[in-house]
Amino acid sequence: MALPSRVKIVEVSPRDGLQNEKEFVSTDIKVELVNRLAAAGFPNVEAASFVSPKWVPQMADGADVMARIERRPGTIYSVLTPNMKGFEGALAAGADEIVIFGAASEAFSQKNINCSIAESIARFEPVVQAARAAGIRVRGSISCALGCPYQGDVPIEAVVDVAQRYLAMQVDEIDVADTIGVGTPQRVRDVMAAVTRVVDPARVSGHFHDTYGQALANILASLETGISIFHTSVAGLGGCPYAKGATGNVATEDVLYMLRGLDIDTGVDFDAVVDIGQWMSANLNRKGSSRAGNAIAAKRAA
């Protein structure tokens, strides 16, 4: 199969990238991060999370972030919403898209939210209905689609089952997420091929963590199955609380560098993203984990 000529990058660093940071990142920095990412040309920025601050204290200022960002025409600003209360916050904040999340692993679902996969997804039905009534896009994420920290292997049919449940709810986009980064290219091909038999590939995205250094290879495998939407995080921000020592989401700079080498257009300014990654890493007092970003920064400084 020919590779897509254009790819949509969903930049998730303001939410997924920062949510596990132990030190609170100031609202000013979060707002500037979202604004700089939108200015760099990302069509979709995951800006905040409307979850209980008791569970995710780093995301307690979601409403403030959404109130203060500069809205760029054509940019989709997404927020995570686990329930109706979260949706009401997202609606009041003017979110363009909400993100709901279910797991393909029964063990993960029981450990994290004390209910089955089917029960967890049923809870999202009123949220999705309310979003659709309000004209807000809905993205459904499938966690642990390539492996689970508790049960290990996750059957492909379980991933397809969650995708079909989302489709029945009329979700706009479906994320196949390698939450702990254990996926390898052949497994990714098999999962994506199975999902795209029931969902239009144009509505499927890949969300890869780089725990085992497989994320770029997994993105290439996804491209080969017709996937053209990927989630990335500038400077590779974001750890995984379920895998000790795990790195975060695949670094945006590394993905852009690879796509540029494949002559795939993203509409994103690569040099601006390198700057953002270096700036954000400096604000967190550590070196970012993007190899391409750090290499370009070192070359500039030479």
C-alpha atoms as a PDB file:
ATOM      1  CA  MET A   1       0.000   0.000   0.000  1.00  0.00           C
ATOM      2  CA  ALA A   2       1.226   3.501  -0.859  1.00  0.00           C
ATOM      3  CA  LEU A   3       1.910   5.681   2.160  1.00  0.00           C
ATOM      4  CA  PRO A   4      -0.415   8.652   2.802  1.00  0.00           C
ATOM      5  CA  SER A   5       0.815  11.941   1.273  1.00  0.00           C
ATOM      6  CA  ARG A   6      -0.393  13.932   4.280  1.00  0.00           C
ATOM      7  CA  VAL A   7      -0.604  13.129   7.993  1.00  0.00           C
ATOM      8  CA  LYS A   8      -2.509  14.865  10.772  1.00  0.00           C
ATOM      9  CA  ILE A   9      -0.515  15.255  13.975  1.00  0.00           C
ATOM     10  CA  VAL A  10      -2.462  15.605  17.228  1.00  0.00           C
ATOM     11  CA  GLU A  11      -0.122  17.296  19.725  1.00  0.00           C
ATOM     12  CA  VAL A  12      -0.823  15.900  23.205  1.00  0.00           C
ATOM     13  CA  SER A  13       1.967  17.407  25.335  1.00  0.00           C
ATOM     14  CA  PRO A  14      -0.167  19.985  27.205  1.00  0.00           C
ATOM     15  CA  ARG A  15      -2.407  17.203  28.550  1.00  0.00           C
ATOM     16  CA  ASP A  16      -0.927  13.713  28.192  1.00  0.00           C
ATOM     17  CA  GLY A  17       2.619  15.046  28.303  1.00  0.00           C
ATOM     18  CA  LEU A  18       2.264  17.079  31.482  1.00  0.00           C
ATOM     19  CA  GLN A  19      -0.323  15.161  33.498  1.00  0.00           C
ATOM     20  CA  ASN A  20       2.216  12.999  35.342  1.00  0.00           C
ATOM     21  CA  GLU A  21       4.661  15.803  36.175  1.00  0.00           C
ATOM     22  CA  LYS A  22       5.199  15.802  39.941  1.00  0.00           C
ATOM     23  CA  GLU A  23       5.943  19.533  40.231  1.00  0.00           C
ATOM     24  CA  PHE A  24       2.982  21.708  39.260  1.00  0.00           C
ATOM     25  CA  VAL A  25       3.550  23.383  35.892  1.00  0.00           C
ATOM     26  CA  SER A  26       2.256  26.954  36.045  1.00  0.00           C
ATOM     27  CA  THR A  27      -0.867  27.929  34.140  1.00  0.00           C
ATOM     28  CA  ASP A  28       1.187  30.599  32.336  1.00  0.00           C
ATOM     29  CA  ILE A  29       3.544  27.947  30.946  1.00  0.00           C
ATOM     30  CA  LYS A  30       0.665  25.672  29.919  1.00  0.00           C
ATOM     31  CA  VAL A  31      -1.083  28.524  28.111  1.00  0.00           C
ATOM     32  CA  GLU A  32       2.124  29.521  26.315  1.00  0.00           C
ATOM     33  CA  LEU A  33       2.764  25.879  25.359  1.00  0.00           C
ATOM     34  CA  VAL A  34      -0.701  25.544  23.786  1.00  0.00           C
ATOM     35  CA  ASN A  35      -0.347  28.889  21.985  1.00  0.00           C
ATOM     36  CA  ARG A  36       3.108  28.076  20.634  1.00  0.00           C
ATOM     37  CA  LEU A  37       1.982  24.655  19.410  1.00  0.00           C
ATOM     38  CA  ALA A  38      -1.044  26.096  17.617  1.00  0.00           C
ATOM     39  CA  ALA A  39       1.165  28.782  16.043  1.00  0.00           C
ATOM     40  CA  ALA A  40       3.538  26.045  14.793  1.00  0.00           C
ATOM     41  CA  GLY A  41       0.696  24.673  12.688  1.00  0.00           C
ATOM     42  CA  PHE A  42      -0.719  21.720  14.634  1.00  0.00           C
ATOM     43  CA  PRO A  43      -4.315  21.232  13.494  1.00  0.00           C
ATOM     44  CA  ASN A  44      -5.305  19.616  16.785  1.00  0.00           C
ATOM     45  CA  VAL A  45      -3.902  20.342  20.277  1.00  0.00           C
ATOM     46  CA  GLU A  46      -4.941  18.343  23.347  1.00  0.00           C
ATOM     47  CA  ALA A  47      -5.021  21.313  25.680  1.00  0.00           C
ATOM     48  CA  ALA A  48      -6.457  20.264  29.041  1.00  0.00           C
ATOM     49  CA  SER A  49      -8.246  17.666  31.108  1.00  0.00           C
ATOM     50  CA  PHE A  50     -11.512  17.960  33.011  1.00  0.00           C
ATOM     51  CA  VAL A  51     -10.926  15.179  35.508  1.00  0.00           C
ATOM     52  CA  SER A  52     -11.120  15.376  39.290  1.00  0.00           C
ATOM     53  CA  PRO A  53      -8.107  17.355  40.611  1.00  0.00           C
ATOM     54  CA  LYS A  54      -7.972  14.751  43.378  1.00  0.00           C
ATOM     55  CA  TRP A  55      -6.870  12.164  40.803  1.00  0.00           C
ATOM     56  CA  VAL A  56      -4.820  14.395  38.491  1.00  0.00           C
ATOM     57  CA  PRO A  57      -3.742  17.522  40.400  1.00  0.00           C
ATOM     58  CA  GLN A  58      -1.552  18.696  37.505  1.00  0.00           C
ATOM     59  CA  MET A  59      -4.690  19.235  35.412  1.00  0.00           C
ATOM     60  CA  ALA A  60      -6.629  21.201  38.063  1.00  0.00           C
ATOM     61  CA  ASP A  61      -6.295  24.455  36.079  1.00  0.00           C
ATOM     62  CA  GLY A  62      -7.937  23.159  32.890  1.00  0.00           C
ATOM     63  CA  ALA A  63     -10.681  25.790  32.883  1.00  0.00           C
ATOM     64  CA  ASP A  64      -8.118  28.592  33.349  1.00  0.00           C
ATOM     65  CA  VAL A  65      -5.940  27.238  30.543  1.00  0.00           C
ATOM     66  CA  MET A  66      -8.899  27.059  28.157  1.00  0.00           C
ATOM     67  CA  ALA A  67     -10.050  30.572  29.143  1.00  0.00           C
ATOM     68  CA  ARG A  68      -6.651  32.130  28.485  1.00  0.00           C
ATOM     69  CA  ILE A  69      -5.382  30.473  25.301  1.00  0.00           C
ATOM     70  CA  GLU A  70      -5.442  32.394  22.013  1.00  0.00           C
ATOM     71  CA  ARG A  71      -7.855  30.518  19.769  1.00  0.00           C
ATOM     72  CA  ARG A  72      -6.449  30.085  16.284  1.00  0.00           C
ATOM     73  CA  PRO A  73      -9.108  29.674  13.590  1.00  0.00           C
ATOM     74  CA  GLY A  74      -9.137  26.118  12.277  1.00  0.00           C
ATOM     75  CA  THR A  75      -7.301  24.640  15.272  1.00  0.00           C
ATOM     76  CA  ILE A  76      -9.148  21.957  17.242  1.00  0.00           C
ATOM     77  CA  TYR A  77      -8.611  22.315  21.004  1.00  0.00           C
ATOM     78  CA  SER A  78      -9.376  18.992  22.709  1.00  0.00           C
ATOM     79  CA  VAL A  79      -9.971  18.145  26.359  1.00  0.00           C
ATOM     80  CA  LEU A  80     -10.237  14.857  28.231  1.00  0.00           C
ATOM     81  CA  THR A  81     -13.663  14.233  29.803  1.00  0.00           C
ATOM     82  CA  PRO A  82     -14.279  11.099  31.915  1.00  0.00           C
ATOM     83  CA  ASN A  83     -17.935  11.810  32.814  1.00  0.00           C
ATOM     84  CA  MET A  84     -20.824  14.268  32.550  1.00  0.00           C
ATOM     85  CA  LYS A  85     -19.307  16.623  35.119  1.00  0.00           C
ATOM     86  CA  GLY A  86     -16.143  16.747  33.014  1.00  0.00           C
ATOM     87  CA  PHE A  87     -18.230  17.315  29.893  1.00  0.00           C
ATOM     88  CA  GLU A  88     -20.048  20.247  31.511  1.00  0.00           C
ATOM     89  CA  GLY A  89     -16.649  21.797  32.296  1.00  0.00           C
ATOM     90  CA  ALA A  90     -15.493  21.192  28.724  1.00  0.00           C
ATOM     91  CA  LEU A  91     -18.666  22.740  27.306  1.00  0.00           C
ATOM     92  CA  ALA A  92     -18.323  25.826  29.507  1.00  0.00           C
ATOM     93  CA  ALA A  93     -14.667  26.120  28.486  1.00  0.00           C
ATOM     94  CA  GLY A  94     -15.500  26.109  24.773  1.00  0.00           C
ATOM     95  CA  ALA A  95     -13.710  22.860  23.881  1.00  0.00           C
ATOM     96  CA  ASP A  96     -13.862  21.916  20.195  1.00  0.00           C
ATOM     97  CA  GLU A  97     -13.463  18.223  20.900  1.00  0.00           C
ATOM     98  CA  ILE A  98     -13.818  15.943  23.903  1.00  0.00           C
ATOM     99  CA  VAL A  99     -11.842  12.759  24.442  1.00  0.00           C
ATOM    100  CA  ILE A 100     -13.340   9.705  26.144  1.00  0.00           C
ATOM    101  CA  PHE A 101     -11.242   6.695  27.039  1.00  0.00           C
ATOM    102  CA  GLY A 102     -11.951   2.999  27.460  1.00  0.00           C
ATOM    103  CA  ALA A 103      -9.536   0.069  27.652  1.00  0.00           C
ATOM    104  CA  ALA A 104      -9.248  -3.056  25.523  1.00  0.00           C
ATOM    105  CA  SER A 105      -8.041  -4.897  28.638  1.00  0.00           C
ATOM    106  CA  GLU A 106     -10.555  -6.127  31.238  1.00  0.00           C
ATOM    107  CA  ALA A 107      -7.813  -6.262  33.887  1.00  0.00           C
ATOM    108  CA  PHE A 108      -6.847  -2.633  33.218  1.00  0.00           C
ATOM    109  CA  SER A 109     -10.475  -1.503  33.309  1.00  0.00           C
ATOM    110  CA  GLN A 110     -11.143  -3.280  36.625  1.00  0.00           C
ATOM    111  CA  LYS A 111      -7.906  -2.032  38.236  1.00  0.00           C
ATOM    112  CA  ASN A 112      -8.375   1.564  37.164  1.00  0.00           C
ATOM    113  CA  ILE A 113     -12.091   2.263  37.285  1.00  0.00           C
ATOM    114  CA  ASN A 114     -13.498  -0.818  39.036  1.00  0.00           C
ATOM    115  CA  CYS A 115     -15.826  -1.873  36.266  1.00  0.00           C
ATOM    116  CA  SER A 116     -15.883  -3.923  33.082  1.00  0.00           C
ATOM    117  CA  ILE A 117     -15.014  -2.551  29.643  1.00  0.00           C
ATOM    118  CA  ALA A 118     -18.681  -2.699  28.613  1.00  0.00           C
ATOM    119  CA  GLU A 119     -19.773  -0.825  31.760  1.00  0.00           C
ATOM    120  CA  SER A 120     -17.083   1.828  31.334  1.00  0.00           C
ATOM    121  CA  ILE A 121     -18.080   2.533  27.745  1.00  0.00           C
ATOM    122  CA  ALA A 122     -21.791   2.568  28.597  1.00  0.00           C
ATOM    123  CA  ARG A 123     -21.018   5.392  31.040  1.00  0.00           C
ATOM    124  CA  PHE A 124     -19.798   7.482  28.106  1.00  0.00           C
ATOM    125  CA  GLU A 125     -23.059   7.232  26.140  1.00  0.00           C
ATOM    126  CA  PRO A 126     -24.740  10.283  27.755  1.00  0.00           C
ATOM    127  CA  VAL A 127     -21.464  12.230  27.421  1.00  0.00           C
ATOM    128  CA  VAL A 128     -21.244  11.483  23.696  1.00  0.00           C
ATOM    129  CA  GLN A 129     -24.937  12.272  23.170  1.00  0.00           C
ATOM    130  CA  ALA A 130     -24.525  15.613  24.957  1.00  0.00           C
ATOM    131  CA  ALA A 131     -21.416  16.440  22.917  1.00  0.00           C
ATOM    132  CA  ARG A 132     -23.130  15.628  19.640  1.00  0.00           C
ATOM    133  CA  ALA A 133     -26.139  17.745  20.628  1.00  0.00           C
ATOM    134  CA  ALA A 134     -23.766  20.640  21.345  1.00  0.00           C
ATOM    135  CA  GLY A 135     -21.911  20.208  18.037  1.00  0.00           C
ATOM    136  CA  ILE A 136     -18.671  19.141  19.727  1.00  0.00           C
ATOM    137  CA  ARG A 137     -16.413  16.541  18.113  1.00  0.00           C
ATOM    138  CA  VAL A 138     -15.811  13.304  20.029  1.00  0.00           C
ATOM    139  CA  ARG A 139     -12.650  11.215  20.047  1.00  0.00           C
ATOM    140  CA  GLY A 140     -12.666   7.757  21.640  1.00  0.00           C
ATOM    141  CA  SER A 141      -9.377   6.348  22.886  1.00  0.00           C
ATOM    142  CA  ILE A 142      -8.727   2.602  23.242  1.00  0.00           C
ATOM    143  CA  SER A 143      -6.124   2.180  26.002  1.00  0.00           C
ATOM    144  CA  CYS A 144      -3.876  -0.907  26.192  1.00  0.00           C
ATOM    145  CA  ALA A 145      -4.634  -1.821  22.572  1.00  0.00           C
ATOM    146  CA  LEU A 146      -1.255  -3.535  22.205  1.00  0.00           C
ATOM    147  CA  GLY A 147      -0.646  -4.839  25.710  1.00  0.00           C
ATOM    148  CA  CYS A 148      -1.613  -4.410  29.341  1.00  0.00           C
ATOM    149  CA  PRO A 149       0.546  -3.976  32.473  1.00  0.00           C
ATOM    150  CA  TYR A 150      -1.722  -6.416  34.345  1.00  0.00           C
ATOM    151  CA  GLN A 151      -2.876  -9.093  31.906  1.00  0.00           C
ATOM    152  CA  GLY A 152      -0.075  -8.922  29.318  1.00  0.00           C
ATOM    153  CA  ASP A 153      -1.367  -9.759  25.845  1.00  0.00           C
ATOM    154  CA  VAL A 154      -4.613  -8.155  24.731  1.00  0.00           C
ATOM    155  CA  PRO A 155      -6.658 -10.059  22.111  1.00  0.00           C
ATOM    156  CA  ILE A 156      -7.124  -8.200  18.839  1.00  0.00           C
ATOM    157  CA  GLU A 157     -10.841  -8.949  18.938  1.00  0.00           C
ATOM    158  CA  ALA A 158     -11.065  -7.027  22.230  1.00  0.00           C
ATOM    159  CA  VAL A 159      -9.651  -3.921  20.504  1.00  0.00           C
ATOM    160  CA  VAL A 160     -12.098  -4.332  17.616  1.00  0.00           C
ATOM    161  CA  ASP A 161     -14.972  -4.774  20.082  1.00  0.00           C
ATOM    162  CA  VAL A 162     -14.229  -1.413  21.752  1.00  0.00           C
ATOM    163  CA  ALA A 163     -13.894   0.244  18.327  1.00  0.00           C
ATOM    164  CA  GLN A 164     -17.318  -1.107  17.348  1.00  0.00           C
ATOM    165  CA  ARG A 165     -18.851   0.162  20.602  1.00  0.00           C
ATOM    166  CA  TYR A 166     -17.441   3.614  19.861  1.00  0.00           C
ATOM    167  CA  LEU A 167     -18.772   3.460  16.303  1.00  0.00           C
ATOM    168  CA  ALA A 168     -22.230   2.601  17.622  1.00  0.00           C
ATOM    169  CA  MET A 169     -22.070   5.771  19.733  1.00  0.00           C
ATOM    170  CA  GLN A 170     -21.092   7.776  16.614  1.00  0.00           C
ATOM    171  CA  VAL A 171     -17.643   8.805  17.828  1.00  0.00           C
ATOM    172  CA  ASP A 172     -15.812  10.885  15.198  1.00  0.00           C
ATOM    173  CA  GLU A 173     -12.281   9.515  15.633  1.00  0.00           C
ATOM    174  CA  ILE A 174     -10.904   6.376  17.293  1.00  0.00           C
ATOM    175  CA  ASP A 175      -7.432   6.236  18.866  1.00  0.00           C
ATOM    176  CA  VAL A 176      -5.601   2.921  19.022  1.00  0.00           C
ATOM    177  CA  ALA A 177      -3.298   3.530  21.987  1.00  0.00           C
ATOM    178  CA  ASP A 178      -0.189   1.604  22.996  1.00  0.00           C
ATOM    179  CA  THR A 179      -0.419   2.871  26.566  1.00  0.00           C
ATOM    180  CA  ILE A 180       2.698   1.119  27.865  1.00  0.00           C
ATOM    181  CA  GLY A 181       4.687   1.073  24.637  1.00  0.00           C
ATOM    182  CA  VAL A 182       5.013  -2.707  24.256  1.00  0.00           C
ATOM    183  CA  GLY A 183       3.804  -2.929  20.658  1.00  0.00           C
ATOM    184  CA  THR A 184       6.013  -4.059  17.780  1.00  0.00           C
ATOM    185  CA  PRO A 185       5.465  -3.413  14.051  1.00  0.00           C
ATOM    186  CA  GLN A 186       3.899  -6.729  13.050  1.00  0.00           C
ATOM    187  CA  ARG A 187       1.443  -6.650  15.949  1.00  0.00           C
ATOM    188  CA  VAL A 188       0.614  -3.037  15.091  1.00  0.00           C
ATOM    189  CA  ARG A 189      -0.064  -4.023  11.461  1.00  0.00           C
ATOM    190  CA  ASP A 190      -2.351  -6.840  12.620  1.00  0.00           C
ATOM    191  CA  VAL A 191      -4.271  -4.636  15.081  1.00  0.00           C
ATOM    192  CA  MET A 192      -4.646  -1.732  12.655  1.00  0.00           C
ATOM    193  CA  ALA A 193      -5.705  -4.061   9.824  1.00  0.00           C
ATOM    194  CA  ALA A 194      -8.389  -5.597  12.068  1.00  0.00           C
ATOM    195  CA  VAL A 195      -9.664  -2.212  13.298  1.00  0.00           C
ATOM    196  CA  THR A 196      -9.764  -0.708   9.799  1.00  0.00           C
ATOM    197  CA  ARG A 197     -11.889  -3.611   8.587  1.00  0.00           C
ATOM    198  CA  VAL A 198     -14.712  -2.170  10.715  1.00  0.00           C
ATOM    199  CA  VAL A 199     -13.722   1.537  10.887  1.00  0.00           C
ATOM    200  CA  ASP A 200     -12.807   3.837   8.007  1.00  0.00           C
ATOM    201  CA  PRO A 201      -8.976   4.241   8.248  1.00  0.00           C
ATOM    202  CA  ALA A 202      -9.467   8.022   7.888  1.00  0.00           C
ATOM    203  CA  ARG A 203     -11.104   7.956  11.349  1.00  0.00           C
ATOM    204  CA  VAL A 204      -8.413   5.872  13.089  1.00  0.00           C
ATOM    205  CA  SER A 205      -5.341   7.294  14.821  1.00  0.00           C
ATOM    206  CA  GLY A 206      -2.218   5.776  16.361  1.00  0.00           C
ATOM    207  CA  HIS A 207      -1.067   6.779  19.852  1.00  0.00           C
ATOM    208  CA  PHE A 208       2.332   5.265  20.622  1.00  0.00           C
ATOM    209  CA  HIS A 209       4.588   5.401  23.642  1.00  0.00           C
ATOM    210  CA  ASP A 210       8.298   4.797  23.165  1.00  0.00           C
ATOM    211  CA  THR A 211       8.979   2.641  26.237  1.00  0.00           C
ATOM    212  CA  TYR A 212      10.799  -0.048  24.239  1.00  0.00           C
ATOM    213  CA  GLY A 213      12.043   2.216  21.446  1.00  0.00           C
ATOM    214  CA  GLN A 214       9.448   0.924  18.978  1.00  0.00           C
ATOM    215  CA  ALA A 215       7.256   3.996  18.462  1.00  0.00           C
ATOM    216  CA  LEU A 216       8.698   5.239  15.147  1.00  0.00           C
ATOM    217  CA  ALA A 217       8.694   1.713  13.707  1.00  0.00           C
ATOM    218  CA  ASN A 218       5.109   1.310  14.878  1.00  0.00           C
ATOM    219  CA  ILE A 219       4.092   4.573  13.218  1.00  0.00           C
ATOM    220  CA  LEU A 220       5.680   3.420   9.959  1.00  0.00           C
ATOM    221  CA  ALA A 221       3.794   0.099  10.254  1.00  0.00           C
ATOM    222  CA  SER A 222       0.568   2.071  10.801  1.00  0.00           C
ATOM    223  CA  LEU A 223       1.252   4.273   7.770  1.00  0.00           C
ATOM    224  CA  GLU A 224       1.613   1.073   5.739  1.00  0.00           C
ATOM    225  CA  THR A 225      -1.916   0.049   6.773  1.00  0.00           C
ATOM    226  CA  GLY A 226      -3.394   3.402   5.701  1.00  0.00           C
ATOM    227  CA  ILE A 227      -3.429   5.250   9.041  1.00  0.00           C
ATOM    228  CA  SER A 228      -2.805   8.985   8.638  1.00  0.00           C
ATOM    229  CA  ILE A 229      -3.453  10.455  12.130  1.00  0.00           C
ATOM    230  CA  PHE A 230      -0.904  10.200  14.939  1.00  0.00           C
ATOM    231  CA  HIS A 231      -0.548  11.568  18.447  1.00  0.00           C
ATOM    232  CA  THR A 232       2.816  12.954  19.490  1.00  0.00           C
ATOM    233  CA  SER A 233       4.254  14.935  22.386  1.00  0.00           C
ATOM    234  CA  VAL A 234       6.890  17.643  22.008  1.00  0.00           C
ATOM    235  CA  ALA A 235      10.255  16.662  23.577  1.00  0.00           C
ATOM    236  CA  GLY A 236       8.755  13.220  24.300  1.00  0.00           C
ATOM    237  CA  LEU A 237       6.972  14.593  27.370  1.00  0.00           C
ATOM    238  CA  GLY A 238       4.908  12.249  29.497  1.00  0.00           C
ATOM    239  CA  GLY A 239       5.744   9.141  31.445  1.00  0.00           C
ATOM    240  CA  CYS A 240       3.534   6.125  31.943  1.00  0.00           C
ATOM    241  CA  PRO A 241       2.533   5.471  35.562  1.00  0.00           C
ATOM    242  CA  TYR A 242       1.950   1.778  34.803  1.00  0.00           C
ATOM    243  CA  ALA A 243       5.409   0.928  33.480  1.00  0.00           C
ATOM    244  CA  LYS A 244       8.419   1.681  35.671  1.00  0.00           C
ATOM    245  CA  GLY A 245      11.025   3.787  33.933  1.00  0.00           C
ATOM    246  CA  ALA A 246       8.794   4.149  30.892  1.00  0.00           C
ATOM    247  CA  THR A 247       9.418   7.025  28.563  1.00  0.00           C
ATOM    248  CA  GLY A 248       6.456   9.017  27.430  1.00  0.00           C
ATOM    249  CA  ASN A 249       4.681   9.537  24.180  1.00  0.00           C
ATOM    250  CA  VAL A 250       6.731   9.426  21.017  1.00  0.00           C
ATOM    251  CA  ALA A 251       8.533  12.752  20.545  1.00  0.00           C
ATOM    252  CA  THR A 252       6.926  15.071  18.008  1.00  0.00           C
ATOM    253  CA  GLU A 253      10.299  16.195  16.637  1.00  0.00           C
ATOM    254  CA  ASP A 254      11.325  12.587  15.888  1.00  0.00           C
ATOM    255  CA  VAL A 255       8.057  11.847  14.095  1.00  0.00           C
ATOM    256  CA  LEU A 256       8.232  15.059  12.040  1.00  0.00           C
ATOM    257  CA  TYR A 257      11.824  14.286  11.080  1.00  0.00           C
ATOM    258  CA  MET A 258      10.829  10.798   9.882  1.00  0.00           C
ATOM    259  CA  LEU A 259       7.763  12.034   7.992  1.00  0.00           C
ATOM    260  CA  ARG A 260       9.801  14.733   6.295  1.00  0.00           C
ATOM    261  CA  GLY A 261      12.204  12.025   5.124  1.00  0.00           C
ATOM    262  CA  LEU A 262       9.230  10.116   3.678  1.00  0.00           C
ATOM    263  CA  ASP A 263       7.977  13.252   1.841  1.00  0.00           C
ATOM    264  CA  ILE A 264       4.796  13.213   3.916  1.00  0.00           C
ATOM    265  CA  ASP A 265       3.277  16.629   4.554  1.00  0.00           C
ATOM    266  CA  THR A 266       2.031  17.644   8.030  1.00  0.00           C
ATOM    267  CA  GLY A 267       1.638  21.413   7.760  1.00  0.00           C
ATOM    268  CA  VAL A 268       3.704  21.740  10.947  1.00  0.00           C
ATOM    269  CA  ASP A 269       6.806  23.938  11.234  1.00  0.00           C
ATOM    270  CA  PHE A 270       9.576  21.519  12.266  1.00  0.00           C
ATOM    271  CA  ASP A 271      12.051  24.221  13.354  1.00  0.00           C
ATOM    272  CA  ALA A 272       9.402  25.888  15.527  1.00  0.00           C
ATOM    273  CA  VAL A 273       8.673  22.529  17.177  1.00  0.00           C
ATOM    274  CA  VAL A 274      12.368  22.004  17.967  1.00  0.00           C
ATOM    275  CA  ASP A 275      12.346  25.435  19.642  1.00  0.00           C
ATOM    276  CA  ILE A 276       9.220  24.588  21.631  1.00  0.00           C
ATOM    277  CA  GLY A 277      10.707  21.280  22.782  1.00  0.00           C
ATOM    278  CA  GLN A 278      13.908  22.932  23.977  1.00  0.00           C
ATOM    279  CA  TRP A 279      11.969  25.747  25.678  1.00  0.00           C
ATOM    280  CA  MET A 280       9.600  23.359  27.455  1.00  0.00           C
ATOM    281  CA  SER A 281      12.421  21.065  28.574  1.00  0.00           C
ATOM    282  CA  ALA A 282      14.257  24.072  30.034  1.00  0.00           C
ATOM    283  CA  ASN A 283      11.121  25.022  31.950  1.00  0.00           C
ATOM    284  CA  LEU A 284      11.007  21.510  33.409  1.00  0.00           C
ATOM    285  CA  ASN A 285      14.748  21.686  34.244  1.00  0.00           C
ATOM    286  CA  ARG A 286      15.713  18.636  32.240  1.00  0.00           C
ATOM    287  CA  LYS A 287      16.769  17.560  28.792  1.00  0.00           C
ATOM    288  CA  GLY A 288      13.977  16.471  26.488  1.00  0.00           C
ATOM    289  CA  SER A 289      13.941  12.925  25.128  1.00  0.00           C
ATOM    290  CA  SER A 290      13.598  13.823  21.445  1.00  0.00           C
ATOM    291  CA  ARG A 291      16.699  12.621  19.632  1.00  0.00           C
ATOM    292  CA  ALA A 292      16.013  14.716  16.548  1.00  0.00           C
ATOM    293  CA  GLY A 293      15.189  17.791  18.632  1.00  0.00           C
ATOM    294  CA  ASN A 294      18.332  17.506  20.736  1.00  0.00           C
ATOM    295  CA  ALA A 295      20.509  16.813  17.685  1.00  0.00           C
ATOM    296  CA  ILE A 296      19.189  19.866  15.812  1.00  0.00           C
ATOM    297  CA  ALA A 297      19.588  22.048  18.936  1.00  0.00           C
ATOM    298  CA  ALA A 298      23.177  20.846  19.399  1.00  0.00           C
ATOM    299  CA  LYS A 299      23.970  21.546  15.739  1.00  0.00           C
ATOM    300  CA  ARG A 300      22.561  25.065  16.051  1.00  0.00           C
ATOM    301  CA  ALA A 301      24.649  25.717  19.167  1.00  0.00           C
ATOM    302  CA  ALA A 302      27.883  24.457  17.575  1.00  0.00           C
END
